[in-house]
Structure formats: structure tokens, C-alpha cells
Amino acid sequence: MSDVSLTRFPRVALASAVSAQDRAEAVDFINRVNWLFETWEVDAMVEAFLPDGVAYHFHGVIRGRQEMRRFFEQDYPYLVPGVSRHATNPIVDRDGDGVSVRYHNLLVRYAAPELAQELAAGGVHESDGDLPGLWIYSPMLDRLRRTPDGWRIAERHVGGSMTNRRLGTGSRDPVAMTSFLPHPVPGR
């Protein structure tokens, strides 16, 4: 369980001293990281964190790139097929020698896992049920540090989250989800 609640997120000031360029780059970085999760590019997902980066997630605390990779490969796959991520209402503030970005991460289930690859390939389906629909809401706080390769996540805090059970997969088994995961195109 995450040890971070909205009441423990830093206060928001009415103005920010972050430059427009740093703000745009930080928000762009968060959106790119969300896309990596959606396209299941595990190497790049791991690389988005500093070597000693920490994630406080509702699945527990994950420290360092080795644990991050294990978490992504063993605990996270059920959160990927048929799901898109949307970082909304980003607020970027100065944070020591970097920036913090707080936002609402909305996971939208747009397809059942078994249809996800077909839709990603351009297929069109109609739903008489709840799809597409908001599956998970999580307030987020990412503490970013600039490296020679751009921004990286020093800490990721997932606040208290709400899940719509009707849109769940029914399985959290990574083996069951493997055949439904996106397959990144090499060299892109």
C-alpha cells in the first residue's frame, strides 16, 4: 500500500518559479513514460527511473532498477492490456535540484485484454457495456531529476486510488496476461 496520501503531498503554491521550458519538458516526460507503459517497453520504463529511484505504489515500495524490472514484469502486467494512461492537471514545482510533477493519473480501460492488440492495430469495435471507461484513478507525485539524458524519476508516489471492479481483468497472473501485452516494434 502506498504510504502517501493527498494530505502528505507538498502544499501547492499559487505560482511556480519553474521555467516554461522545464515545465513543458517535465510534463512531456511524464506523458512519454505513460506511453511506455501503454506500449509495454519495459527496458525504457526501467530507464525512466534513476538507478536508486523509488516508487511508492499500492502494490508496495519498489526500490532501484532491479526491483523496478521485477515489479513491472511480475506484478504489473494486468494493468497494461487494453488500458491507456492519462496524466491530467499537471502542476510542476521546483523540488531541490529538480522538479516535482503532481497530476491525476487516469487509467482508461478501452478494451478487454484479448481485444487490446487488435484495437492497437487499427481494429474498431463497439461496446454495449462499460467500455471505454475510467478503471483507476490515482493522484500522483513524481519527483524528477535532470540527468545528461534528460529527466528521470527519483521518486514516484501513487496516492490513494479508486478502482472500478467491473472493468478489472479478473486475473492478476502475469502469465495469463503475457499473450495480451503489446509487443514493442524494435528500432522505433
C-alpha atoms as a PDB file:
ATOM      1  CA  MET A   1       0.000   0.000   0.000  1.00  0.00           C
ATOM      2  CA  SER A   2       1.271   3.453  -0.791  1.00  0.00           C
ATOM      3  CA  ASP A   3       2.404   5.449   2.224  1.00  0.00           C
ATOM      4  CA  VAL A   4       1.468   8.697   0.504  1.00  0.00           C
ATOM      5  CA  SER A   5      -1.936  10.315   0.781  1.00  0.00           C
ATOM      6  CA  LEU A   6      -3.067  13.612  -0.655  1.00  0.00           C
ATOM      7  CA  THR A   7      -2.702  15.112   2.822  1.00  0.00           C
ATOM      8  CA  ARG A   8       1.017  14.220   2.723  1.00  0.00           C
ATOM      9  CA  PHE A   9       1.682  15.648  -0.754  1.00  0.00           C
ATOM     10  CA  PRO A  10       3.522  19.003  -0.503  1.00  0.00           C
ATOM     11  CA  ARG A  11       1.307  22.088  -0.470  1.00  0.00           C
ATOM     12  CA  VAL A  12       0.611  23.749  -3.796  1.00  0.00           C
ATOM     13  CA  ALA A  13       1.635  27.374  -4.150  1.00  0.00           C
ATOM     14  CA  LEU A  14      -0.415  29.704  -6.322  1.00  0.00           C
ATOM     15  CA  ALA A  15       2.622  30.419  -8.520  1.00  0.00           C
ATOM     16  CA  SER A  16       5.641  28.416  -9.616  1.00  0.00           C
ATOM     17  CA  ALA A  17       9.235  29.507 -10.204  1.00  0.00           C
ATOM     18  CA  VAL A  18       9.737  26.709 -12.761  1.00  0.00           C
ATOM     19  CA  SER A  19      10.663  27.993 -16.228  1.00  0.00           C
ATOM     20  CA  ALA A  20       8.269  27.382 -19.091  1.00  0.00           C
ATOM     21  CA  GLN A  21      10.863  25.138 -20.753  1.00  0.00           C
ATOM     22  CA  ASP A  22      11.392  22.970 -17.633  1.00  0.00           C
ATOM     23  CA  ARG A  23       7.620  22.753 -17.131  1.00  0.00           C
ATOM     24  CA  ALA A  24       6.981  21.675 -20.719  1.00  0.00           C
ATOM     25  CA  GLU A  25       9.846  19.158 -20.673  1.00  0.00           C
ATOM     26  CA  ALA A  26       8.734  17.655 -17.336  1.00  0.00           C
ATOM     27  CA  VAL A  27       5.105  17.253 -18.455  1.00  0.00           C
ATOM     28  CA  ASP A  28       6.261  15.828 -21.793  1.00  0.00           C
ATOM     29  CA  PHE A  29       8.478  13.346 -19.921  1.00  0.00           C
ATOM     30  CA  ILE A  30       5.547  12.156 -17.757  1.00  0.00           C
ATOM     31  CA  ASN A  31       3.399  11.695 -20.876  1.00  0.00           C
ATOM     32  CA  ARG A  32       6.199   9.774 -22.593  1.00  0.00           C
ATOM     33  CA  VAL A  33       6.610   7.498 -19.569  1.00  0.00           C
ATOM     34  CA  ASN A  34       2.857   6.831 -19.583  1.00  0.00           C
ATOM     35  CA  TRP A  35       3.138   5.890 -23.266  1.00  0.00           C
ATOM     36  CA  LEU A  36       5.980   3.461 -22.460  1.00  0.00           C
ATOM     37  CA  PHE A  37       3.668   1.701 -20.009  1.00  0.00           C
ATOM     38  CA  GLU A  38       0.909   1.557 -22.603  1.00  0.00           C
ATOM     39  CA  THR A  39       3.232   0.100 -25.260  1.00  0.00           C
ATOM     40  CA  TRP A  40       4.946  -2.159 -22.708  1.00  0.00           C
ATOM     41  CA  GLU A  41       8.520  -1.057 -23.304  1.00  0.00           C
ATOM     42  CA  VAL A  42       9.910  -2.463 -20.062  1.00  0.00           C
ATOM     43  CA  ASP A  43      13.573  -1.527 -20.685  1.00  0.00           C
ATOM     44  CA  ALA A  44      12.614   2.106 -21.268  1.00  0.00           C
ATOM     45  CA  MET A  45      10.181   2.057 -18.317  1.00  0.00           C
ATOM     46  CA  VAL A  46      13.018   0.959 -16.047  1.00  0.00           C
ATOM     47  CA  GLU A  47      15.372   3.532 -17.599  1.00  0.00           C
ATOM     48  CA  ALA A  48      12.845   6.291 -16.788  1.00  0.00           C
ATOM     49  CA  PHE A  49      13.823   5.875 -13.116  1.00  0.00           C
ATOM     50  CA  LEU A  50      17.154   6.826 -11.604  1.00  0.00           C
ATOM     51  CA  PRO A  51      19.268   3.789 -10.618  1.00  0.00           C
ATOM     52  CA  ASP A  52      18.263   4.359  -6.974  1.00  0.00           C
ATOM     53  CA  GLY A  53      14.725   5.521  -7.833  1.00  0.00           C
ATOM     54  CA  VAL A  54      11.835   4.558  -5.568  1.00  0.00           C
ATOM     55  CA  ALA A  55       8.165   4.000  -6.334  1.00  0.00           C
ATOM     56  CA  TYR A  56       5.532   4.060  -3.599  1.00  0.00           C
ATOM     57  CA  HIS A  57       2.731   2.078  -5.210  1.00  0.00           C
ATOM     58  CA  PHE A  58      -0.445   0.441  -3.927  1.00  0.00           C
ATOM     59  CA  HIS A  59       1.430  -2.849  -4.534  1.00  0.00           C
ATOM     60  CA  GLY A  60       4.216  -1.762  -2.143  1.00  0.00           C
ATOM     61  CA  VAL A  61       7.526   0.101  -2.164  1.00  0.00           C
ATOM     62  CA  ILE A  62       9.845  -0.650  -5.087  1.00  0.00           C
ATOM     63  CA  ARG A  63      13.491   0.442  -4.837  1.00  0.00           C
ATOM     64  CA  GLY A  64      16.081   0.546  -7.599  1.00  0.00           C
ATOM     65  CA  ARG A  65      16.025  -0.588 -11.186  1.00  0.00           C
ATOM     66  CA  GLN A  66      16.331  -4.311 -10.476  1.00  0.00           C
ATOM     67  CA  GLU A  67      13.267  -4.297  -8.217  1.00  0.00           C
ATOM     68  CA  MET A  68      11.504  -1.978 -10.691  1.00  0.00           C
ATOM     69  CA  ARG A  69      12.018  -4.501 -13.514  1.00  0.00           C
ATOM     70  CA  ARG A  70      10.781  -7.370 -11.332  1.00  0.00           C
ATOM     71  CA  PHE A  71       7.732  -5.311 -10.333  1.00  0.00           C
ATOM     72  CA  PHE A  72       6.897  -4.436 -13.936  1.00  0.00           C
ATOM     73  CA  GLU A  73       7.336  -7.994 -15.187  1.00  0.00           C
ATOM     74  CA  GLN A  74       5.683  -9.861 -12.298  1.00  0.00           C
ATOM     75  CA  ASP A  75       3.160  -7.562 -10.633  1.00  0.00           C
ATOM     76  CA  TYR A  76       2.184  -5.011 -13.272  1.00  0.00           C
ATOM     77  CA  PRO A  77       1.105  -6.847 -16.468  1.00  0.00           C
ATOM     78  CA  TYR A  78      -2.610  -6.935 -15.571  1.00  0.00           C
ATOM     79  CA  LEU A  79      -2.571  -3.112 -15.639  1.00  0.00           C
ATOM     80  CA  VAL A  80      -1.496  -2.911 -19.301  1.00  0.00           C
ATOM     81  CA  PRO A  81      -3.549  -4.722 -21.996  1.00  0.00           C
ATOM     82  CA  GLY A  82      -6.466  -2.584 -23.151  1.00  0.00           C
ATOM     83  CA  VAL A  83      -5.534   0.308 -20.849  1.00  0.00           C
ATOM     84  CA  SER A  84      -4.399   3.844 -21.677  1.00  0.00           C
ATOM     85  CA  ARG A  85      -2.934   6.298 -19.185  1.00  0.00           C
ATOM     86  CA  HIS A  86      -3.753   9.993 -18.962  1.00  0.00           C
ATOM     87  CA  ALA A  87      -1.799  12.414 -16.768  1.00  0.00           C
ATOM     88  CA  THR A  88      -4.236  15.268 -16.233  1.00  0.00           C
ATOM     89  CA  ASN A  89      -3.941  18.651 -14.486  1.00  0.00           C
ATOM     90  CA  PRO A  90      -0.143  18.616 -14.109  1.00  0.00           C
ATOM     91  CA  ILE A  91       1.351  21.022 -11.579  1.00  0.00           C
ATOM     92  CA  VAL A  92       5.116  21.482 -11.815  1.00  0.00           C
ATOM     93  CA  ASP A  93       7.057  22.972  -8.903  1.00  0.00           C
ATOM     94  CA  ARG A  94      10.696  23.401  -8.009  1.00  0.00           C
ATOM     95  CA  ASP A  95      11.929  20.459  -5.902  1.00  0.00           C
ATOM     96  CA  GLY A  96      15.502  20.849  -4.669  1.00  0.00           C
ATOM     97  CA  ASP A  97      17.738  20.320  -7.697  1.00  0.00           C
ATOM     98  CA  GLY A  98      14.846  19.119  -9.825  1.00  0.00           C
ATOM     99  CA  VAL A  99      11.095  19.469 -10.168  1.00  0.00           C
ATOM    100  CA  SER A 100       8.046  17.712  -8.819  1.00  0.00           C
ATOM    101  CA  VAL A 101       5.077  16.981 -11.048  1.00  0.00           C
ATOM    102  CA  ARG A 102       1.760  16.191  -9.426  1.00  0.00           C
ATOM    103  CA  TYR A 103      -1.128  15.052 -11.573  1.00  0.00           C
ATOM    104  CA  HIS A 104      -4.148  12.778 -11.737  1.00  0.00           C
ATOM    105  CA  ASN A 105      -3.291   9.524 -13.468  1.00  0.00           C
ATOM    106  CA  LEU A 106      -6.419   8.119 -15.076  1.00  0.00           C
ATOM    107  CA  LEU A 107      -6.276   4.573 -16.394  1.00  0.00           C
ATOM    108  CA  VAL A 108      -8.947   4.153 -19.041  1.00  0.00           C
ATOM    109  CA  ARG A 109      -9.901   0.596 -19.941  1.00  0.00           C
ATOM    110  CA  TYR A 110     -10.696   0.831 -23.626  1.00  0.00           C
ATOM    111  CA  ALA A 111     -10.811  -2.910 -24.378  1.00  0.00           C
ATOM    112  CA  ALA A 112     -10.862  -6.314 -22.776  1.00  0.00           C
ATOM    113  CA  PRO A 113      -7.275  -7.673 -22.719  1.00  0.00           C
ATOM    114  CA  GLU A 114      -7.978 -10.163 -25.508  1.00  0.00           C
ATOM    115  CA  LEU A 115      -9.029  -7.332 -27.888  1.00  0.00           C
ATOM    116  CA  ALA A 116      -6.241  -4.880 -26.996  1.00  0.00           C
ATOM    117  CA  GLN A 117      -3.766  -5.894 -29.702  1.00  0.00           C
ATOM    118  CA  GLU A 118      -6.445  -5.870 -32.390  1.00  0.00           C
ATOM    119  CA  LEU A 119      -7.505  -2.352 -31.432  1.00  0.00           C
ATOM    120  CA  ALA A 120      -3.868  -1.205 -31.290  1.00  0.00           C
ATOM    121  CA  ALA A 121      -3.503  -2.483 -34.861  1.00  0.00           C
ATOM    122  CA  GLY A 122      -6.389  -0.271 -36.003  1.00  0.00           C
ATOM    123  CA  GLY A 123      -9.403  -2.503 -35.376  1.00  0.00           C
ATOM    124  CA  VAL A 124     -12.731  -0.921 -34.479  1.00  0.00           C
ATOM    125  CA  HIS A 125     -15.249  -2.413 -32.062  1.00  0.00           C
ATOM    126  CA  GLU A 126     -18.422  -1.223 -30.411  1.00  0.00           C
ATOM    127  CA  SER A 127     -19.294  -1.836 -26.782  1.00  0.00           C
ATOM    128  CA  ASP A 128     -22.708  -2.283 -25.247  1.00  0.00           C
ATOM    129  CA  GLY A 129     -21.106  -2.315 -21.786  1.00  0.00           C
ATOM    130  CA  ASP A 130     -18.857  -0.039 -19.798  1.00  0.00           C
ATOM    131  CA  LEU A 131     -16.023   0.227 -22.313  1.00  0.00           C
ATOM    132  CA  PRO A 132     -14.325   2.533 -22.714  1.00  0.00           C
ATOM    133  CA  GLY A 133     -14.416   3.605 -19.095  1.00  0.00           C
ATOM    134  CA  LEU A 134     -12.358   5.019 -16.274  1.00  0.00           C
ATOM    135  CA  TRP A 135     -10.873   1.996 -14.491  1.00  0.00           C
ATOM    136  CA  ILE A 136      -8.424   3.514 -11.984  1.00  0.00           C
ATOM    137  CA  TYR A 137      -7.949   6.995 -10.568  1.00  0.00           C
ATOM    138  CA  SER A 138      -4.692   7.804  -8.754  1.00  0.00           C
ATOM    139  CA  PRO A 139      -3.259  11.123  -7.655  1.00  0.00           C
ATOM    140  CA  MET A 140       0.459  11.076  -8.469  1.00  0.00           C
ATOM    141  CA  LEU A 141       3.581  12.915  -7.425  1.00  0.00           C
ATOM    142  CA  ASP A 142       6.766  12.353  -9.427  1.00  0.00           C
ATOM    143  CA  ARG A 143       9.994  13.889  -8.173  1.00  0.00           C
ATOM    144  CA  LEU A 144      12.224  14.343 -11.223  1.00  0.00           C
ATOM    145  CA  ARG A 145      15.957  14.973 -11.524  1.00  0.00           C
ATOM    146  CA  ARG A 146      17.703  16.135 -14.689  1.00  0.00           C
ATOM    147  CA  THR A 147      20.457  13.852 -15.993  1.00  0.00           C
ATOM    148  CA  PRO A 148      22.629  14.134 -19.114  1.00  0.00           C
ATOM    149  CA  ASP A 149      19.901  12.049 -20.814  1.00  0.00           C
ATOM    150  CA  GLY A 150      17.002  14.237 -19.663  1.00  0.00           C
ATOM    151  CA  TRP A 151      14.558  13.943 -16.769  1.00  0.00           C
ATOM    152  CA  ARG A 152      14.444  10.765 -14.686  1.00  0.00           C
ATOM    153  CA  ILE A 153      12.156   9.771 -11.804  1.00  0.00           C
ATOM    154  CA  ALA A 154      13.823   9.883  -8.389  1.00  0.00           C
ATOM    155  CA  GLU A 155      10.560   9.094  -6.574  1.00  0.00           C
ATOM    156  CA  ARG A 156       7.087   8.184  -7.753  1.00  0.00           C
ATOM    157  CA  HIS A 157       4.254   8.409  -5.258  1.00  0.00           C
ATOM    158  CA  VAL A 158       0.900   6.858  -6.109  1.00  0.00           C
ATOM    159  CA  GLY A 159      -1.677   8.281  -3.726  1.00  0.00           C
ATOM    160  CA  GLY A 160      -4.894   6.633  -2.618  1.00  0.00           C
ATOM    161  CA  SER A 161      -6.512   5.050  -5.661  1.00  0.00           C
ATOM    162  CA  MET A 162     -10.035   4.107  -6.720  1.00  0.00           C
ATOM    163  CA  THR A 163     -10.674   1.133  -8.969  1.00  0.00           C
ATOM    164  CA  ASN A 164     -13.855   0.262 -10.861  1.00  0.00           C
ATOM    165  CA  ARG A 165     -14.134  -3.523 -10.258  1.00  0.00           C
ATOM    166  CA  ARG A 166     -16.392  -4.025 -13.267  1.00  0.00           C
ATOM    167  CA  LEU A 167     -13.503  -3.028 -15.561  1.00  0.00           C
ATOM    168  CA  GLY A 168     -10.895  -5.329 -13.996  1.00  0.00           C
ATOM    169  CA  THR A 169      -9.394  -8.264 -15.848  1.00  0.00           C
ATOM    170  CA  GLY A 170     -10.365 -10.915 -13.325  1.00  0.00           C
ATOM    171  CA  SER A 171      -6.739 -12.103 -13.272  1.00  0.00           C
ATOM    172  CA  ARG A 172      -3.552 -10.582 -11.907  1.00  0.00           C
ATOM    173  CA  ASP A 173      -1.478 -13.534 -13.057  1.00  0.00           C
ATOM    174  CA  PRO A 174       1.353 -12.191 -15.252  1.00  0.00           C
ATOM    175  CA  VAL A 175       1.469 -15.446 -17.249  1.00  0.00           C
ATOM    176  CA  ALA A 176      -2.236 -15.138 -18.084  1.00  0.00           C
ATOM    177  CA  MET A 177      -1.677 -11.552 -19.294  1.00  0.00           C
ATOM    178  CA  THR A 178       1.519 -12.203 -21.290  1.00  0.00           C
ATOM    179  CA  SER A 179      -0.189 -13.110 -24.561  1.00  0.00           C
ATOM    180  CA  PHE A 180      -2.250  -9.894 -24.388  1.00  0.00           C
ATOM    181  CA  LEU A 181       0.652  -7.493 -23.757  1.00  0.00           C
ATOM    182  CA  PRO A 182       1.742  -5.154 -26.541  1.00  0.00           C
ATOM    183  CA  HIS A 183       4.850  -6.163 -28.431  1.00  0.00           C
ATOM    184  CA  PRO A 184       7.140  -3.156 -28.986  1.00  0.00           C
ATOM    185  CA  VAL A 185       8.490  -2.763 -32.503  1.00  0.00           C
ATOM    186  CA  PRO A 186      12.322  -2.952 -32.384  1.00  0.00           C
ATOM    187  CA  GLY A 187      14.188   0.089 -33.619  1.00  0.00           C
ATOM    188  CA  ARG A 188      11.357   2.574 -33.172  1.00  0.00           C
END
